[in-house]
Protein backbone atom coordinates (compact mmCIF):
# COMPACT_ATOMS: atom_id res chain seq x y z
CA MET A 1 -4.77 11.45 7.34
CA GLN A 2 -6.51 14.57 8.52
CA ASN A 3 -5.26 16.73 11.35
CA ASP A 4 -7.27 15.00 14.04
CA SER A 5 -6.49 12.41 16.66
CA ARG A 6 -7.74 9.38 14.71
CA THR A 7 -5.25 6.68 13.97
CA PHE A 8 -4.94 5.14 10.52
CA LEU A 9 -6.36 1.93 11.98
CA ILE A 10 -9.52 3.69 13.15
CA ALA A 11 -9.75 5.67 9.92
CA VAL A 12 -9.67 2.59 7.67
CA ILE A 13 -12.28 0.84 9.83
CA GLU A 14 -14.54 3.91 9.70
CA ARG A 15 -14.09 4.28 5.93
CA CYS A 16 -15.16 0.66 5.42
CA GLN A 17 -18.23 1.23 7.59
CA GLU A 18 -19.12 4.39 5.66
CA ALA A 19 -18.73 2.53 2.35
CA HIS A 20 -20.87 -0.36 3.65
CA ILE A 21 -18.19 -2.94 2.93
CA ASN A 22 -16.73 -5.68 5.09
CA PRO A 23 -14.36 -4.50 7.80
CA PRO A 24 -10.62 -4.72 7.13
CA PHE A 25 -8.90 -7.95 8.14
CA PHE A 26 -5.55 -7.36 9.81
CA GLU A 27 -2.90 -10.03 10.35
CA ILE A 28 0.29 -9.72 12.36
CA MET A 29 3.24 -11.93 11.47
CA SER A 30 6.77 -12.44 12.66
CA ASP A 31 9.96 -13.43 10.97
CA ARG A 32 11.22 -16.91 11.76
CA GLY A 33 13.19 -15.76 14.78
CA ARG A 34 10.27 -13.78 16.19
CA THR A 35 12.43 -10.71 16.58
CA ALA A 36 10.75 -8.64 13.89
CA TRP A 37 7.05 -8.18 13.26
CA SER A 38 4.98 -6.89 10.37
CA SER A 39 1.34 -6.72 9.34
CA THR A 40 -1.01 -7.17 6.41
CA VAL A 41 -4.54 -5.95 5.85
CA THR A 42 -7.15 -7.19 3.40
CA VAL A 43 -9.86 -4.80 2.25
CA GLN A 44 -12.38 -5.83 -0.40
CA GLY A 45 -10.07 -8.61 -1.57
CA PHE A 46 -7.02 -6.35 -1.87
CA LYS A 47 -4.14 -7.37 0.39
CA PHE A 48 -1.55 -4.85 1.53
CA SER A 49 1.69 -5.44 3.42
CA ALA A 50 3.38 -3.06 5.81
CA ARG A 51 6.47 -1.41 4.40
CA TYR A 52 8.72 -2.31 7.32
CA TRP A 53 9.42 -4.89 10.00
CA TYR A 54 9.24 -3.73 13.61
CA ASP A 55 10.67 -4.80 16.96
CA GLY A 56 8.09 -6.60 19.10
CA HIS A 57 7.64 -3.55 21.33
CA TYR A 58 6.49 -1.56 18.28
CA VAL A 59 4.28 -4.09 16.49
CA TYR A 60 1.36 -1.63 16.56
CA ASN A 61 3.40 0.58 14.22
CA ALA A 62 3.19 -2.19 11.61
CA VAL A 63 -0.61 -2.10 11.85
CA GLU A 64 -0.64 1.68 11.51
CA ASP A 65 1.77 1.47 8.57
CA VAL A 66 -0.37 -0.96 6.61
CA ALA A 67 -3.61 0.86 7.49
CA GLU A 68 -2.09 4.06 6.11
CA LEU A 69 -1.13 2.27 2.88
CA ALA A 70 -4.63 0.87 2.46
CA LEU A 71 -6.23 4.28 2.94
CA LYS A 72 -3.94 5.86 0.37
CA GLN A 73 -4.33 3.10 -2.22
CA LEU A 74 -8.07 2.50 -2.01
CA SER A 75 -10.72 5.05 -2.70
CA ILE A 76 -13.04 3.85 0.05
């Protein structure tokens, strides 16, 4: 990500808009005990999973994690 104040979430949404493709589809999921949370994102049919599981207070970090992965893996 560049040295600006954009989050990875905003960056991946903007990149999809610039490329004229469907917006990313984010999903948030929990483990069975609902004590850990993670996220996936689908962009152009490619599904990515966050690298880590997060405490419920930090679930947004899972979204940022997976958005960062998508930006790095896709040339959108």
